[in-house]
Amino acid sequence: MNINVPFDKEEVKKLKAGDYVYLTGTIYSARDAAHKRMYETMLEGGQAPFNLKDNVIYYLGPTPAKKGQVIGSAGPTTSSRMDKYTPLILENGLNGMIGKGKRSKEVIDAIVKNKAVYFAAVGGAGALLSKCIKESEVIAYDDLGTEAIRKMRVEDFPVIVVIDSEGNNLYETAIEEYKNKK
């Protein structure tokens, strides 16, 4: 399934746990330090450094780009490190997150409440994923180095829906399917 990003809640509703999706358009990168700063700013009544509404954040801290590259290796980081900050960020309009690994119950509840989606990108495939990133520009928190927020244009960026807007969780259903096949 191909989807243009950003996307609205109607598009989110169509996505089901287990769907293979190719994203094309604009996404943003943010890791631990950027999430902490955004969270603290929002708690104090401020706003995120970009409009969260309908957008997607990729939990990414790329390696430095080599000559001729748009970005260095761009593999996902472990999503649970952002769990403390995620419910508030989802409440402010974010529609999707890309990372790897399980999410807390609080995040899953916030995904359902805010009708959002959690995608996984393949860990260990950062060099290949970087080829799908066609433009990358630091837009906030430059002092954080690789953890700065980047605005990126992606083409056919491959992800899998892990947790859909109804709370279906591929990590749980896949385990059950495996057990049932044995």
Protein backbone atom coordinates (compact mmCIF):
# COMPACT_ATOMS: atom_id res chain seq x y z
CA MET A 1 0.00 0.00 0.00
CA ASN A 2 1.35 3.45 -0.92
CA ILE A 3 0.56 6.47 1.25
CA ASN A 4 1.45 10.13 0.91
CA VAL A 5 2.65 11.83 4.09
CA PRO A 6 1.44 13.80 5.91
CA PHE A 7 -1.94 12.03 6.02
CA ASP A 8 -5.26 12.64 7.78
CA LYS A 9 -7.28 10.55 10.23
CA GLU A 10 -9.31 8.96 7.41
CA GLU A 11 -6.08 7.47 6.02
CA VAL A 12 -5.06 6.33 9.52
CA LYS A 13 -8.34 4.39 9.88
CA LYS A 14 -7.53 2.37 6.73
CA LEU A 15 -4.23 1.09 8.15
CA LYS A 16 -4.33 -2.28 9.88
CA ALA A 17 -1.69 -4.07 11.96
CA GLY A 18 0.42 -6.16 9.59
CA ASP A 19 0.01 -3.91 6.53
CA TYR A 20 3.12 -3.24 4.48
CA VAL A 21 3.22 0.45 3.58
CA TYR A 22 5.43 2.68 1.43
CA LEU A 23 5.50 6.31 2.57
CA THR A 24 6.15 9.17 0.17
CA GLY A 25 6.28 12.82 1.17
CA THR A 26 7.48 14.68 4.26
CA ILE A 27 8.36 13.10 7.61
CA TYR A 28 10.36 14.42 10.56
CA SER A 29 13.12 12.81 12.59
CA ALA A 30 13.34 13.12 16.37
CA ARG A 31 14.99 11.00 19.03
CA ASP A 32 15.25 11.05 22.83
CA ALA A 33 16.79 14.48 23.39
CA ALA A 34 14.52 16.21 20.85
CA HIS A 35 11.44 14.52 22.34
CA LYS A 36 12.44 15.63 25.83
CA ARG A 37 12.86 19.23 24.67
CA MET A 38 9.56 19.24 22.72
CA TYR A 39 7.76 17.70 25.71
CA GLU A 40 9.13 20.24 28.18
CA THR A 41 8.27 23.11 25.80
CA MET A 42 4.69 21.85 25.39
CA LEU A 43 4.28 21.35 29.16
CA GLU A 44 5.22 25.02 29.58
CA GLY A 45 2.54 26.04 27.05
CA GLY A 46 4.84 26.32 24.03
CA GLN A 47 4.65 24.54 20.72
CA ALA A 48 6.72 21.92 18.96
CA PRO A 49 9.21 23.32 16.40
CA PHE A 50 7.02 22.03 13.55
CA ASN A 51 3.30 21.47 13.13
CA LEU A 52 2.61 18.02 14.57
CA LYS A 53 -0.90 17.81 13.06
CA ASP A 54 -1.21 14.88 10.62
CA ASN A 55 2.56 14.38 10.55
CA VAL A 56 4.85 11.41 11.16
CA ILE A 57 7.98 11.29 13.34
CA TYR A 58 10.77 8.83 12.56
CA TYR A 59 12.79 7.86 15.64
CA LEU A 60 16.11 8.42 13.93
CA GLY A 61 19.58 9.71 14.68
CA PRO A 62 21.40 9.25 11.37
CA THR A 63 25.11 8.81 10.95
CA PRO A 64 26.89 11.68 9.21
CA ALA A 65 26.37 11.80 5.46
CA LYS A 66 29.33 10.92 3.29
CA LYS A 67 30.19 13.00 0.25
CA GLY A 68 27.38 12.74 -2.31
CA GLN A 69 24.83 11.43 0.21
CA VAL A 70 21.69 13.19 1.44
CA ILE A 71 21.95 11.49 4.84
CA GLY A 72 24.02 8.79 6.49
CA SER A 73 22.73 5.44 7.65
CA ALA A 74 19.13 5.97 8.73
CA GLY A 75 17.96 3.00 10.78
CA PRO A 76 15.26 3.26 13.45
CA THR A 77 16.03 3.63 17.13
CA THR A 78 14.24 1.80 19.95
CA SER A 79 10.81 3.40 20.32
CA SER A 80 10.28 2.73 24.02
CA ARG A 81 12.83 5.46 24.78
CA MET A 82 10.22 7.99 23.58
CA ASP A 83 7.28 6.44 25.49
CA LYS A 84 7.30 8.99 28.32
CA TYR A 85 6.81 11.84 25.82
CA THR A 86 4.56 10.20 23.23
CA PRO A 87 1.05 10.60 24.73
CA LEU A 88 1.39 14.41 24.92
CA ILE A 89 2.85 14.59 21.41
CA LEU A 90 -0.02 12.47 20.05
CA GLU A 91 -2.53 14.74 21.81
CA ASN A 92 -1.03 17.62 19.83
CA GLY A 93 -1.97 16.05 16.49
CA LEU A 94 0.79 13.63 15.49
CA ASN A 95 -0.65 10.82 13.34
CA GLY A 96 2.25 8.41 13.10
CA MET A 97 5.54 7.22 14.51
CA ILE A 98 8.24 5.06 12.94
CA GLY A 99 10.65 3.09 15.09
CA LYS A 100 11.36 -0.42 16.29
CA GLY A 101 10.30 -2.47 19.26
CA LYS A 102 7.38 -2.64 21.65
CA ARG A 103 5.44 0.30 23.12
CA SER A 104 4.07 0.77 26.62
CA LYS A 105 0.41 0.36 27.51
CA GLU A 106 0.18 4.15 27.97
CA VAL A 107 1.40 4.72 24.42
CA ILE A 108 -0.93 2.08 22.98
CA ASP A 109 -3.84 3.71 24.84
CA ALA A 110 -2.79 7.13 23.45
CA ILE A 111 -2.58 5.68 19.92
CA VAL A 112 -6.18 4.45 20.21
CA LYS A 113 -7.44 7.63 21.91
CA ASN A 114 -5.84 9.91 19.29
CA LYS A 115 -6.47 7.60 16.30
CA ALA A 116 -2.79 7.35 15.37
CA VAL A 117 -0.55 4.57 14.05
CA TYR A 118 2.83 3.06 14.98
CA PHE A 119 4.99 1.80 12.15
CA ALA A 120 8.16 -0.29 12.36
CA ALA A 121 11.11 0.10 10.05
CA VAL A 122 13.60 -2.73 9.74
CA GLY A 123 16.41 -2.37 12.24
CA GLY A 124 19.82 -3.09 10.76
CA ALA A 125 18.76 -1.81 7.33
CA GLY A 126 19.79 1.82 7.89
CA ALA A 127 22.01 2.02 4.80
CA LEU A 128 19.17 0.77 2.60
CA LEU A 129 16.54 2.98 4.28
CA SER A 130 18.74 6.05 3.73
CA LYS A 131 18.35 5.58 -0.03
CA CYS A 132 14.62 6.36 0.36
CA ILE A 133 15.42 9.74 1.94
CA LYS A 134 15.75 12.21 -0.92
CA GLU A 135 16.14 15.45 1.08
CA SER A 136 17.10 16.16 4.68
CA GLU A 137 17.30 19.50 6.45
CA VAL A 138 17.87 20.25 10.15
CA ILE A 139 14.97 22.47 11.25
CA ALA A 140 15.35 22.57 15.04
CA TYR A 141 17.68 21.81 17.94
CA ASP A 142 20.86 21.89 15.83
CA ASP A 143 22.85 21.78 19.08
CA LEU A 144 21.70 18.16 19.54
CA GLY A 145 23.83 16.97 16.60
CA THR A 146 22.48 13.72 15.17
CA GLU A 147 19.45 14.05 17.46
CA ALA A 148 18.41 17.39 15.93
CA ILE A 149 14.98 17.50 14.30
CA ARG A 150 15.13 17.00 10.55
CA LYS A 151 12.52 17.58 7.89
CA MET A 152 12.94 14.82 5.32
CA ARG A 153 11.41 14.09 1.95
CA VAL A 154 11.04 10.34 1.46
CA GLU A 155 10.04 8.19 -1.50
CA ASP A 156 8.67 4.68 -1.08
CA PHE A 157 9.96 4.44 2.47
CA PRO A 158 9.09 0.87 3.61
CA VAL A 159 7.34 0.38 6.96
CA ILE A 160 5.00 -2.14 8.58
CA VAL A 161 1.96 -1.16 10.64
CA VAL A 162 2.63 -2.59 14.08
CA ILE A 163 -0.10 -0.88 16.13
CA ASP A 164 -3.15 0.44 14.32
CA SER A 165 -5.67 3.06 15.45
CA GLU A 166 -7.85 0.37 17.03
CA GLY A 167 -4.99 -0.93 19.20
CA ASN A 168 -4.34 -4.12 17.23
CA ASN A 169 -0.71 -4.98 17.89
CA LEU A 170 1.25 -7.06 15.37
CA TYR A 171 3.82 -8.01 18.00
CA GLU A 172 1.06 -9.75 19.98
CA THR A 173 -0.97 -11.21 17.11
CA ALA A 174 2.11 -12.59 15.36
CA ILE A 175 3.10 -14.48 18.51
CA GLU A 176 -0.40 -15.96 18.80
CA GLU A 177 -0.42 -16.96 15.12
CA TYR A 178 2.96 -18.63 15.55
CA LYS A 179 1.79 -20.54 18.63
CA ASN A 180 -1.37 -21.66 16.84
CA LYS A 181 0.64 -23.02 13.89
CA LYS A 182 2.76 -25.19 16.18
